[in-house]
Amino acid sequence: MLAEVLRGAQDFGSRLRRLLNASSVGAKRQRMKTNAVRLLESLGVQYELREYTVDPEDLAAETVAAKVGMPPEQVFKTLLARGDRNGLCFAVIPANTELDLKSLAVAAGDRKTELVPVKELQGLTGYIRGGVTVLGAKKAFPVFADETIQLWDSISVSAGVRGTQMILKPEDYLQATQAVMADIARSK
């Protein structure tokens, strides 16, 4: 009889610990801020966070746009490119476009540019594919934003983690990132 009581107490203790751990993990998640969010807050920039369910098999920016309820033209993806003369730079383009590498090279003062392989992203930016953002990146590389960014009242960019987007005014984004606007995107 005593053994049954002890087993029941142990089971109760295990369930209680799991419940407490789960609730504290949930509380941490709600309070967790990315470096990108911290940067915007330190600059006094107003923003909205929108979370969405991540499908690791479909990290396409167009999918993210649908999940956060915005047209793909207003959702901007951040790519990292390497130029032959001036090195690394960020390219920020609408979700429904491709990076025009020749146009980026001209804007960056390079003869040619190429996208950085996915396996190098985290080491260079601190972010993984699907969560890359200029804001709060590991290193401050030059930033080139497609000129269509100025057409919108608000835009969406990654908050620095998969599953969270930041909605903010394009002028605030351009100022926070010190981006140079250029015609660097082309239709898919």
N, C-alpha and C. Protein backbone atom coordinates (compact mmCIF):
# COMPACT_ATOMS: atom_id res chain seq x y z
N MET A 1 0.83 -1.19 0.00
CA MET A 1 0.00 0.00 0.00
C MET A 1 0.88 1.25 0.00
N LEU A 2 1.91 1.27 0.84
CA LEU A 2 2.81 2.41 0.90
C LEU A 2 3.53 2.58 -0.44
N ALA A 3 3.88 1.47 -1.08
CA ALA A 3 4.55 1.53 -2.38
C ALA A 3 3.66 2.21 -3.42
N GLU A 4 2.35 1.90 -3.39
CA GLU A 4 1.41 2.51 -4.33
C GLU A 4 1.30 4.01 -4.08
N VAL A 5 1.24 4.42 -2.85
CA VAL A 5 1.16 5.84 -2.50
C VAL A 5 2.42 6.56 -2.98
N LEU A 6 3.59 5.96 -2.74
CA LEU A 6 4.84 6.57 -3.17
C LEU A 6 4.92 6.69 -4.70
N ARG A 7 4.47 5.63 -5.39
CA ARG A 7 4.45 5.67 -6.85
C ARG A 7 3.51 6.78 -7.34
N GLY A 8 2.36 6.88 -6.72
CA GLY A 8 1.40 7.93 -7.09
C GLY A 8 1.98 9.32 -6.85
N ALA A 9 2.69 9.49 -5.74
CA ALA A 9 3.32 10.77 -5.44
C ALA A 9 4.40 11.09 -6.46
N GLN A 10 5.16 10.07 -6.85
CA GLN A 10 6.21 10.29 -7.85
C GLN A 10 5.60 10.67 -9.19
N ASP A 11 4.53 9.97 -9.57
CA ASP A 11 3.85 10.30 -10.83
C ASP A 11 3.31 11.73 -10.78
N PHE A 12 2.70 12.10 -9.65
CA PHE A 12 2.17 13.45 -9.50
C PHE A 12 3.31 14.47 -9.58
N GLY A 13 4.43 14.19 -8.92
CA GLY A 13 5.59 15.08 -8.95
C GLY A 13 6.13 15.25 -10.36
N SER A 14 6.19 14.15 -11.11
CA SER A 14 6.67 14.21 -12.50
C SER A 14 5.73 15.05 -13.36
N ARG A 15 4.43 14.82 -13.20
CA ARG A 15 3.46 15.61 -13.98
C ARG A 15 3.53 17.08 -13.62
N LEU A 16 3.67 17.38 -12.34
CA LEU A 16 3.75 18.77 -11.88
C LEU A 16 5.00 19.45 -12.45
N ARG A 17 6.14 18.75 -12.42
CA ARG A 17 7.38 19.32 -12.98
C ARG A 17 7.23 19.60 -14.48
N ARG A 18 6.63 18.65 -15.22
CA ARG A 18 6.41 18.86 -16.65
C ARG A 18 5.51 20.05 -16.90
N LEU A 19 4.45 20.16 -16.11
CA LEU A 19 3.52 21.27 -16.26
C LEU A 19 4.21 22.60 -15.96
N LEU A 20 4.97 22.65 -14.88
CA LEU A 20 5.69 23.89 -14.54
C LEU A 20 6.72 24.24 -15.59
N ASN A 21 7.45 23.26 -16.09
CA ASN A 21 8.43 23.53 -17.14
C ASN A 21 7.76 24.02 -18.41
N ALA A 22 6.65 23.40 -18.77
CA ALA A 22 5.94 23.80 -19.98
C ALA A 22 5.43 25.22 -19.86
N SER A 23 4.92 25.60 -18.70
CA SER A 23 4.40 26.96 -18.55
C SER A 23 5.52 27.97 -18.52
N SER A 24 6.68 27.63 -17.93
CA SER A 24 7.78 28.59 -17.92
C SER A 24 8.40 28.71 -19.31
N VAL A 25 8.42 27.63 -20.08
CA VAL A 25 8.90 27.70 -21.46
C VAL A 25 7.97 28.59 -22.26
N GLY A 26 6.67 28.43 -22.09
CA GLY A 26 5.70 29.28 -22.79
C GLY A 26 5.86 30.74 -22.40
N ALA A 27 6.11 31.00 -21.13
CA ALA A 27 6.30 32.37 -20.67
C ALA A 27 7.57 32.95 -21.29
N LYS A 28 8.63 32.16 -21.37
CA LYS A 28 9.86 32.65 -21.98
C LYS A 28 9.63 32.96 -23.45
N ARG A 29 8.86 32.12 -24.14
CA ARG A 29 8.60 32.34 -25.56
C ARG A 29 7.88 33.65 -25.78
N GLN A 30 6.93 33.97 -24.92
CA GLN A 30 6.19 35.21 -25.09
C GLN A 30 7.09 36.43 -24.86
N ARG A 31 8.05 36.32 -23.96
CA ARG A 31 8.92 37.44 -23.65
C ARG A 31 10.15 37.48 -24.54
N MET A 32 10.43 36.40 -25.26
CA MET A 32 11.64 36.33 -26.06
C MET A 32 11.63 37.40 -27.15
N LYS A 33 12.73 38.13 -27.25
CA LYS A 33 12.86 39.13 -28.28
C LYS A 33 14.09 38.79 -29.12
N THR A 34 13.95 38.98 -30.41
CA THR A 34 15.09 38.74 -31.29
C THR A 34 15.97 39.99 -31.30
N ASN A 35 17.18 39.84 -31.80
CA ASN A 35 18.07 40.99 -31.93
C ASN A 35 17.45 42.06 -32.81
N ALA A 36 16.72 41.63 -33.84
CA ALA A 36 16.07 42.58 -34.74
C ALA A 36 15.03 43.41 -33.99
N VAL A 37 14.24 42.77 -33.15
CA VAL A 37 13.22 43.47 -32.36
C VAL A 37 13.90 44.42 -31.37
N ARG A 38 14.94 43.96 -30.71
CA ARG A 38 15.67 44.82 -29.76
C ARG A 38 16.22 46.06 -30.45
N LEU A 39 16.75 45.87 -31.65
CA LEU A 39 17.29 47.00 -32.40
C LEU A 39 16.21 48.02 -32.72
N LEU A 40 15.07 47.55 -33.24
CA LEU A 40 13.98 48.47 -33.55
C LEU A 40 13.51 49.22 -32.31
N GLU A 41 13.40 48.51 -31.19
CA GLU A 41 12.97 49.16 -29.96
C GLU A 41 13.98 50.20 -29.50
N SER A 42 15.26 49.90 -29.63
CA SER A 42 16.29 50.87 -29.21
C SER A 42 16.26 52.12 -30.08
N LEU A 43 15.78 51.98 -31.32
CA LEU A 43 15.68 53.12 -32.23
C LEU A 43 14.33 53.83 -32.11
N GLY A 44 13.42 53.29 -31.31
CA GLY A 44 12.10 53.88 -31.15
C GLY A 44 11.19 53.67 -32.34
N VAL A 45 11.45 52.63 -33.13
CA VAL A 45 10.66 52.34 -34.32
C VAL A 45 9.43 51.52 -33.94
N GLN A 46 8.28 51.95 -34.43
CA GLN A 46 7.06 51.18 -34.19
C GLN A 46 6.98 50.02 -35.18
N TYR A 47 6.52 48.88 -34.68
CA TYR A 47 6.42 47.68 -35.50
C TYR A 47 5.32 46.80 -34.93
N GLU A 48 4.94 45.82 -35.73
CA GLU A 48 3.99 44.79 -35.29
C GLU A 48 4.62 43.45 -35.62
N LEU A 49 4.50 42.49 -34.71
CA LEU A 49 4.98 41.14 -34.98
C LEU A 49 3.82 40.27 -35.41
N ARG A 50 4.05 39.47 -36.43
CA ARG A 50 3.05 38.49 -36.88
C ARG A 50 3.72 37.13 -36.92
N GLU A 51 3.14 36.21 -36.19
CA GLU A 51 3.67 34.85 -36.16
C GLU A 51 2.90 33.97 -37.13
N TYR A 52 3.56 32.96 -37.61
CA TYR A 52 2.93 32.01 -38.53
C TYR A 52 3.56 30.64 -38.31
N THR A 53 2.86 29.61 -38.75
CA THR A 53 3.36 28.25 -38.63
C THR A 53 4.37 27.98 -39.73
N VAL A 54 5.52 27.46 -39.34
CA VAL A 54 6.61 27.20 -40.28
C VAL A 54 6.52 25.78 -40.83
N ASP A 55 6.63 25.69 -42.14
CA ASP A 55 6.76 24.40 -42.81
C ASP A 55 8.19 24.34 -43.34
N PRO A 56 9.07 23.55 -42.70
CA PRO A 56 10.47 23.51 -43.13
C PRO A 56 10.66 23.08 -44.58
N GLU A 57 9.64 22.44 -45.14
CA GLU A 57 9.71 22.02 -46.54
C GLU A 57 9.32 23.13 -47.50
N ASP A 58 8.73 24.22 -46.98
CA ASP A 58 8.30 25.33 -47.83
C ASP A 58 8.61 26.64 -47.12
N LEU A 59 9.81 27.14 -47.33
CA LEU A 59 10.23 28.40 -46.71
C LEU A 59 10.11 29.58 -47.69
N ALA A 60 9.40 29.36 -48.80
CA ALA A 60 9.26 30.40 -49.82
C ALA A 60 8.63 31.66 -49.25
N ALA A 61 9.15 32.80 -49.67
CA ALA A 61 8.64 34.08 -49.19
C ALA A 61 7.18 34.29 -49.57
N GLU A 62 6.76 33.75 -50.72
CA GLU A 62 5.35 33.88 -51.12
C GLU A 62 4.45 33.14 -50.14
N THR A 63 4.91 32.02 -49.64
CA THR A 63 4.15 31.26 -48.64
C THR A 63 4.05 32.06 -47.35
N VAL A 64 5.14 32.66 -46.94
CA VAL A 64 5.14 33.50 -45.73
C VAL A 64 4.15 34.64 -45.90
N ALA A 65 4.15 35.27 -47.07
CA ALA A 65 3.23 36.38 -47.34
C ALA A 65 1.78 35.94 -47.13
N ALA A 66 1.42 34.80 -47.67
CA ALA A 66 0.06 34.29 -47.51
C ALA A 66 -0.25 34.03 -46.04
N LYS A 67 0.72 33.49 -45.32
CA LYS A 67 0.49 33.14 -43.92
C LYS A 67 0.35 34.36 -43.02
N VAL A 68 0.99 35.47 -43.39
CA VAL A 68 0.86 36.68 -42.56
C VAL A 68 -0.20 37.63 -43.11
N GLY A 69 -0.87 37.20 -44.20
CA GLY A 69 -2.00 37.97 -44.73
C GLY A 69 -1.61 39.25 -45.45
N MET A 70 -0.49 39.21 -46.16
CA MET A 70 -0.06 40.39 -46.91
C MET A 70 0.24 39.99 -48.35
N PRO A 71 0.09 40.93 -49.29
CA PRO A 71 0.46 40.62 -50.67
C PRO A 71 1.97 40.38 -50.76
N PRO A 72 2.41 39.49 -51.62
CA PRO A 72 3.85 39.18 -51.71
C PRO A 72 4.70 40.39 -52.09
N GLU A 73 4.11 41.38 -52.76
CA GLU A 73 4.85 42.59 -53.12
C GLU A 73 5.27 43.41 -51.90
N GLN A 74 4.56 43.22 -50.78
CA GLN A 74 4.85 43.97 -49.55
C GLN A 74 5.69 43.18 -48.55
N VAL A 75 5.92 41.92 -48.84
CA VAL A 75 6.75 41.08 -47.97
C VAL A 75 8.12 40.99 -48.62
N PHE A 76 9.14 41.44 -47.89
CA PHE A 76 10.49 41.51 -48.45
C PHE A 76 11.38 40.43 -47.85
N LYS A 77 12.08 39.72 -48.74
CA LYS A 77 13.02 38.70 -48.31
C LYS A 77 14.43 39.29 -48.33
N THR A 78 15.26 38.80 -47.44
CA THR A 78 16.62 39.30 -47.31
C THR A 78 17.59 38.22 -47.76
N LEU A 79 18.39 38.57 -48.74
CA LEU A 79 19.38 37.65 -49.30
C LEU A 79 20.78 38.19 -49.03
N LEU A 80 21.74 37.32 -48.96
CA LEU A 80 23.13 37.74 -48.78
C LEU A 80 23.89 37.38 -50.05
N ALA A 81 24.59 38.37 -50.60
CA ALA A 81 25.35 38.17 -51.84
C ALA A 81 26.81 38.55 -51.61
N ARG A 82 27.64 38.02 -52.51
CA ARG A 82 29.07 38.31 -52.44
C ARG A 82 29.51 38.90 -53.78
N GLY A 83 30.10 40.09 -53.71
CA GLY A 83 30.61 40.73 -54.90
C GLY A 83 32.09 40.45 -55.09
N ASP A 84 32.56 40.55 -56.32
CA ASP A 84 33.95 40.23 -56.62
C ASP A 84 34.92 41.32 -56.16
N ARG A 85 34.46 42.53 -55.94
CA ARG A 85 35.33 43.63 -55.51
C ARG A 85 35.08 44.08 -54.08
N ASN A 86 33.82 44.20 -53.72
CA ASN A 86 33.47 44.82 -52.43
C ASN A 86 32.95 43.84 -51.39
N GLY A 87 32.94 42.58 -51.70
CA GLY A 87 32.56 41.57 -50.71
C GLY A 87 31.08 41.43 -50.49
N LEU A 88 30.71 41.16 -49.25
CA LEU A 88 29.34 40.80 -48.90
C LEU A 88 28.41 42.01 -48.82
N CYS A 89 27.14 41.76 -49.18
CA CYS A 89 26.10 42.77 -49.03
C CYS A 89 24.75 42.07 -48.93
N PHE A 90 23.81 42.76 -48.30
CA PHE A 90 22.44 42.27 -48.22
C PHE A 90 21.64 42.82 -49.39
N ALA A 91 20.73 42.03 -49.91
CA ALA A 91 19.78 42.45 -50.94
C ALA A 91 18.38 42.18 -50.41
N VAL A 92 17.55 43.20 -50.38
CA VAL A 92 16.20 43.09 -49.83
C VAL A 92 15.22 43.31 -50.98
N ILE A 93 14.47 42.24 -51.31
CA ILE A 93 13.61 42.28 -52.50
C ILE A 93 12.23 41.72 -52.17
N PRO A 94 11.21 42.09 -52.97
CA PRO A 94 9.86 41.55 -52.74
C PRO A 94 9.82 40.03 -52.87
N ALA A 95 8.90 39.43 -52.14
CA ALA A 95 8.76 37.97 -52.08
C ALA A 95 8.50 37.34 -53.43
N ASN A 96 7.82 38.05 -54.31
CA ASN A 96 7.42 37.45 -55.59
C ASN A 96 8.40 37.77 -56.71
N THR A 97 9.65 38.13 -56.35
CA THR A 97 10.65 38.46 -57.36
C THR A 97 11.93 37.66 -57.15
N GLU A 98 12.83 37.79 -58.11
CA GLU A 98 14.16 37.19 -58.01
C GLU A 98 15.18 38.32 -57.95
N LEU A 99 16.31 38.04 -57.37
CA LEU A 99 17.39 39.01 -57.32
C LEU A 99 18.04 39.10 -58.70
N ASP A 100 18.18 40.31 -59.20
CA ASP A 100 18.91 40.55 -60.45
C ASP A 100 20.37 40.77 -60.05
N LEU A 101 21.18 39.73 -60.19
CA LEU A 101 22.56 39.77 -59.74
C LEU A 101 23.39 40.83 -60.46
N LYS A 102 23.12 41.05 -61.73
CA LYS A 102 23.86 42.08 -62.48
C LYS A 102 23.52 43.48 -61.96
N SER A 103 22.25 43.72 -61.71
CA SER A 103 21.85 45.03 -61.18
C SER A 103 22.41 45.27 -59.79
N LEU A 104 22.43 44.22 -58.97
CA LEU A 104 23.02 44.34 -57.64
C LEU A 104 24.51 44.65 -57.76
N ALA A 105 25.20 43.99 -58.67
CA ALA A 105 26.63 44.23 -58.86
C ALA A 105 26.88 45.70 -59.21
N VAL A 106 26.09 46.25 -60.10
CA VAL A 106 26.23 47.66 -60.48
C VAL A 106 26.00 48.55 -59.26
N ALA A 107 24.93 48.29 -58.53
CA ALA A 107 24.62 49.11 -57.35
C ALA A 107 25.71 49.03 -56.29
N ALA A 108 26.32 47.85 -56.15
CA ALA A 108 27.34 47.64 -55.12
C ALA A 108 28.75 47.99 -55.59
N GLY A 109 28.90 48.36 -56.85
CA GLY A 109 30.22 48.70 -57.37
C GLY A 109 31.07 47.48 -57.68
N ASP A 110 30.42 46.39 -57.98
CA ASP A 110 31.12 45.15 -58.32
C ASP A 110 30.95 44.86 -59.81
N ARG A 111 31.81 43.99 -60.33
CA ARG A 111 31.65 43.52 -61.71
C ARG A 111 30.62 42.41 -61.76
N LYS A 112 30.61 41.55 -60.71
CA LYS A 112 29.62 40.47 -60.64
C LYS A 112 29.36 40.14 -59.17
N THR A 113 28.19 39.58 -58.93
CA THR A 113 27.81 39.12 -57.59
C THR A 113 27.20 37.74 -57.71
N GLU A 114 27.22 37.03 -56.59
CA GLU A 114 26.58 35.72 -56.53
C GLU A 114 25.97 35.57 -55.14
N LEU A 115 24.95 34.75 -55.05
CA LEU A 115 24.35 34.50 -53.74
C LEU A 115 25.29 33.67 -52.89
N VAL A 116 25.31 33.95 -51.62
CA VAL A 116 26.11 33.19 -50.67
C VAL A 116 25.41 31.85 -50.44
N PRO A 117 26.15 30.74 -50.43
CA PRO A 117 25.51 29.44 -50.17
C PRO A 117 24.81 29.40 -48.81
N VAL A 118 23.69 28.71 -48.75
CA VAL A 118 22.89 28.61 -47.52
C VAL A 118 23.74 28.16 -46.33
N LYS A 119 24.66 27.24 -46.55
CA LYS A 119 25.47 26.71 -45.44
C LYS A 119 26.35 27.78 -44.80
N GLU A 120 26.59 28.92 -45.48
CA GLU A 120 27.41 29.99 -44.92
C GLU A 120 26.59 31.06 -44.21
N LEU A 121 25.27 31.06 -44.40
CA LEU A 121 24.43 32.13 -43.87
C LEU A 121 24.56 32.35 -42.37
N GLN A 122 24.42 31.30 -41.60
CA GLN A 122 24.40 31.46 -40.15
C GLN A 122 25.74 32.00 -39.63
N GLY A 123 26.83 31.50 -40.15
CA GLY A 123 28.13 31.99 -39.71
C GLY A 123 28.37 33.45 -40.03
N LEU A 124 27.81 33.91 -41.14
CA LEU A 124 28.02 35.30 -41.58
C LEU A 124 27.01 36.28 -40.99
N THR A 125 25.76 35.81 -40.80
CA THR A 125 24.70 36.73 -40.37
C THR A 125 24.19 36.47 -38.96
N GLY A 126 24.38 35.24 -38.48
CA GLY A 126 23.78 34.85 -37.21
C GLY A 126 22.38 34.29 -37.38
N TYR A 127 21.89 34.26 -38.62
CA TYR A 127 20.53 33.79 -38.90
C TYR A 127 20.56 32.60 -39.85
N ILE A 128 19.48 31.79 -39.80
CA ILE A 128 19.35 30.66 -40.70
C ILE A 128 18.38 31.00 -41.83
N ARG A 129 18.42 30.23 -42.90
CA ARG A 129 17.52 30.45 -44.04
C ARG A 129 16.08 30.49 -43.54
N GLY A 130 15.35 31.47 -44.02
CA GLY A 130 13.96 31.65 -43.60
C GLY A 130 13.84 32.59 -42.42
N GLY A 131 14.97 33.01 -41.87
CA GLY A 131 14.96 33.93 -40.73
C GLY A 131 15.99 35.04 -40.88
N VAL A 132 16.57 35.16 -42.07
CA VAL A 132 17.62 36.18 -42.28
C VAL A 132 16.98 37.56 -42.32
N THR A 133 17.60 38.49 -41.61
CA THR A 133 17.19 39.89 -41.63
C THR A 133 18.43 40.75 -41.48
N VAL A 134 18.37 41.94 -42.02
CA VAL A 134 19.48 42.89 -41.88
C VAL A 134 19.57 43.35 -40.44
N LEU A 135 18.41 43.54 -39.83
CA LEU A 135 18.33 44.10 -38.47
C LEU A 135 18.93 43.13 -37.45
N GLY A 136 19.94 43.59 -36.75
CA GLY A 136 20.54 42.76 -35.71
C GLY A 136 21.45 41.67 -36.24
N ALA A 137 21.84 41.76 -37.51
CA ALA A 137 22.73 40.75 -38.07
C ALA A 137 24.08 40.80 -37.37
N LYS A 138 24.77 39.68 -37.44
CA LYS A 138 26.07 39.52 -36.79
C LYS A 138 27.07 40.58 -37.24
N LYS A 139 27.05 40.91 -38.52
CA LYS A 139 27.96 41.91 -39.08
C LYS A 139 27.14 42.91 -39.90
N ALA A 140 27.64 44.14 -39.96
CA ALA A 140 26.95 45.20 -40.69
C ALA A 140 27.48 45.27 -42.12
N PHE A 141 26.86 44.51 -43.01
CA PHE A 141 27.22 44.56 -44.43
C PHE A 141 26.38 45.65 -45.10
N PRO A 142 26.84 46.20 -46.22
CA PRO A 142 26.02 47.17 -46.96
C PRO A 142 24.67 46.54 -47.33
N VAL A 143 23.64 47.39 -47.38
CA VAL A 143 22.28 46.92 -47.65
C VAL A 143 21.73 47.63 -48.89
N PHE A 144 21.19 46.83 -49.81
CA PHE A 144 20.55 47.36 -51.00
C PHE A 144 19.11 46.85 -51.00
N ALA A 145 18.16 47.79 -51.03
CA ALA A 145 16.74 47.43 -51.02
C ALA A 145 16.13 47.78 -52.37
N ASP A 146 15.31 46.88 -52.88
CA ASP A 146 14.66 47.16 -54.15
C ASP A 146 13.82 48.42 -54.02
N GLU A 147 13.86 49.24 -55.05
CA GLU A 147 13.19 50.54 -55.00
C GLU A 147 11.68 50.46 -54.80
N THR A 148 11.06 49.30 -55.06
CA THR A 148 9.62 49.17 -54.86
C THR A 148 9.24 49.23 -53.38
N ILE A 149 10.21 49.16 -52.50
CA ILE A 149 9.94 49.20 -51.06
C ILE A 149 9.23 50.49 -50.67
N GLN A 150 9.51 51.56 -51.41
CA GLN A 150 8.94 52.88 -51.08
C GLN A 150 7.49 53.04 -51.53
N LEU A 151 6.95 52.06 -52.25
CA LEU A 151 5.58 52.16 -52.76
C LEU A 151 4.51 51.87 -51.72
N TRP A 152 4.91 51.31 -50.56
CA TRP A 152 3.94 50.78 -49.61
C TRP A 152 3.89 51.60 -48.32
N ASP A 153 2.73 51.56 -47.67
CA ASP A 153 2.59 52.19 -46.34
C ASP A 153 3.27 51.35 -45.28
N SER A 154 3.26 50.04 -45.49
CA SER A 154 3.93 49.13 -44.55
C SER A 154 4.50 47.95 -45.33
N ILE A 155 5.56 47.39 -44.76
CA ILE A 155 6.20 46.22 -45.36
C ILE A 155 6.40 45.17 -44.28
N SER A 156 6.73 43.97 -44.71
CA SER A 156 7.02 42.88 -43.78
C SER A 156 8.41 42.35 -44.09
N VAL A 157 9.20 42.15 -43.01
CA VAL A 157 10.52 41.52 -43.11
C VAL A 157 10.64 40.52 -41.97
N SER A 158 11.58 39.62 -42.11
CA SER A 158 11.78 38.63 -41.05
C SER A 158 12.20 39.31 -39.76
N ALA A 159 11.73 38.76 -38.65
CA ALA A 159 12.10 39.26 -37.32
C ALA A 159 13.37 38.58 -36.82
N GLY A 160 13.98 37.74 -37.65
CA GLY A 160 15.22 37.09 -37.26
C GLY A 160 15.07 35.64 -36.85
N VAL A 161 13.84 35.14 -36.91
CA VAL A 161 13.57 33.73 -36.65
C VAL A 161 12.49 33.27 -37.62
N ARG A 162 12.54 32.01 -37.98
CA ARG A 162 11.46 31.46 -38.78
C ARG A 162 10.18 31.54 -37.96
N GLY A 163 9.10 31.92 -38.61
CA GLY A 163 7.81 31.93 -37.94
C GLY A 163 7.39 33.27 -37.38
N THR A 164 8.22 34.30 -37.56
CA THR A 164 7.85 35.64 -37.07
C THR A 164 8.29 36.69 -38.07
N GLN A 165 7.35 37.53 -38.46
CA GLN A 165 7.61 38.64 -39.36
C GLN A 165 7.37 39.96 -38.62
N MET A 166 8.08 40.99 -39.02
CA MET A 166 7.88 42.33 -38.49
C MET A 166 7.21 43.18 -39.56
N ILE A 167 6.17 43.90 -39.16
CA ILE A 167 5.50 44.83 -40.06
C ILE A 167 5.90 46.22 -39.61
N LEU A 168 6.41 47.02 -40.53
CA LEU A 168 6.83 48.38 -40.20
C LEU A 168 6.78 49.27 -41.43
N LYS A 169 6.96 50.56 -41.22
CA LYS A 169 6.97 51.51 -42.33
C LYS A 169 8.27 51.37 -43.09
N PRO A 170 8.19 51.44 -44.43
CA PRO A 170 9.42 51.28 -45.21
C PRO A 170 10.47 52.34 -44.90
N GLU A 171 10.04 53.57 -44.64
CA GLU A 171 11.01 54.62 -44.32
C GLU A 171 11.75 54.33 -43.02
N ASP A 172 11.06 53.72 -42.05
CA ASP A 172 11.72 53.33 -40.80
C ASP A 172 12.73 52.21 -41.06
N TYR A 173 12.34 51.27 -41.90
CA TYR A 173 13.25 50.16 -42.24
C TYR A 173 14.50 50.70 -42.94
N LEU A 174 14.29 51.55 -43.93
CA LEU A 174 15.41 52.09 -44.69
C LEU A 174 16.37 52.87 -43.79
N GLN A 175 15.81 53.63 -42.88
CA GLN A 175 16.65 54.41 -41.97
C GLN A 175 17.40 53.49 -40.99
N ALA A 176 16.71 52.50 -40.43
CA ALA A 176 17.32 51.60 -39.45
C ALA A 176 18.43 50.76 -40.08
N THR A 177 18.28 50.41 -41.35
CA THR A 177 19.26 49.55 -42.01
C THR A 177 20.28 50.33 -42.83
N GLN A 178 20.04 51.62 -42.99
CA GLN A 178 20.88 52.48 -43.84
C GLN A 178 20.98 51.92 -45.26
N ALA A 179 19.86 51.40 -45.73
CA ALA A 179 19.81 50.78 -47.05
C ALA A 179 19.85 51.81 -48.16
N VAL A 180 20.46 51.41 -49.25
CA VAL A 180 20.47 52.19 -50.49
C VAL A 180 19.42 51.56 -51.39
N MET A 181 18.53 52.39 -51.93
CA MET A 181 17.51 51.86 -52.83
C MET A 181 18.08 51.72 -54.24
N ALA A 182 17.74 50.62 -54.89
CA ALA A 182 18.19 50.36 -56.25
C ALA A 182 17.21 49.41 -56.93
N ASP A 183 17.22 49.40 -58.22
CA ASP A 183 16.36 48.50 -59.00
C ASP A 183 17.10 47.16 -59.10
N ILE A 184 16.89 46.28 -58.11
CA ILE A 184 17.66 45.01 -58.04
C ILE A 184 16.80 43.76 -58.15
N ALA A 185 15.49 43.93 -58.35
CA ALA A 185 14.60 42.75 -58.42
C ALA A 185 14.04 42.63 -59.83
N ARG A 186 13.76 41.40 -60.22
CA ARG A 186 13.12 41.15 -61.50
C ARG A 186 12.00 40.12 -61.31
N SER A 187 11.05 40.12 -62.22
CA SER A 187 9.95 39.17 -62.13
C SER A 187 10.47 37.74 -62.26
N LYS A 188 9.77 36.83 -61.59
CA LYS A 188 10.15 35.40 -61.68
C LYS A 188 9.73 34.83 -63.01
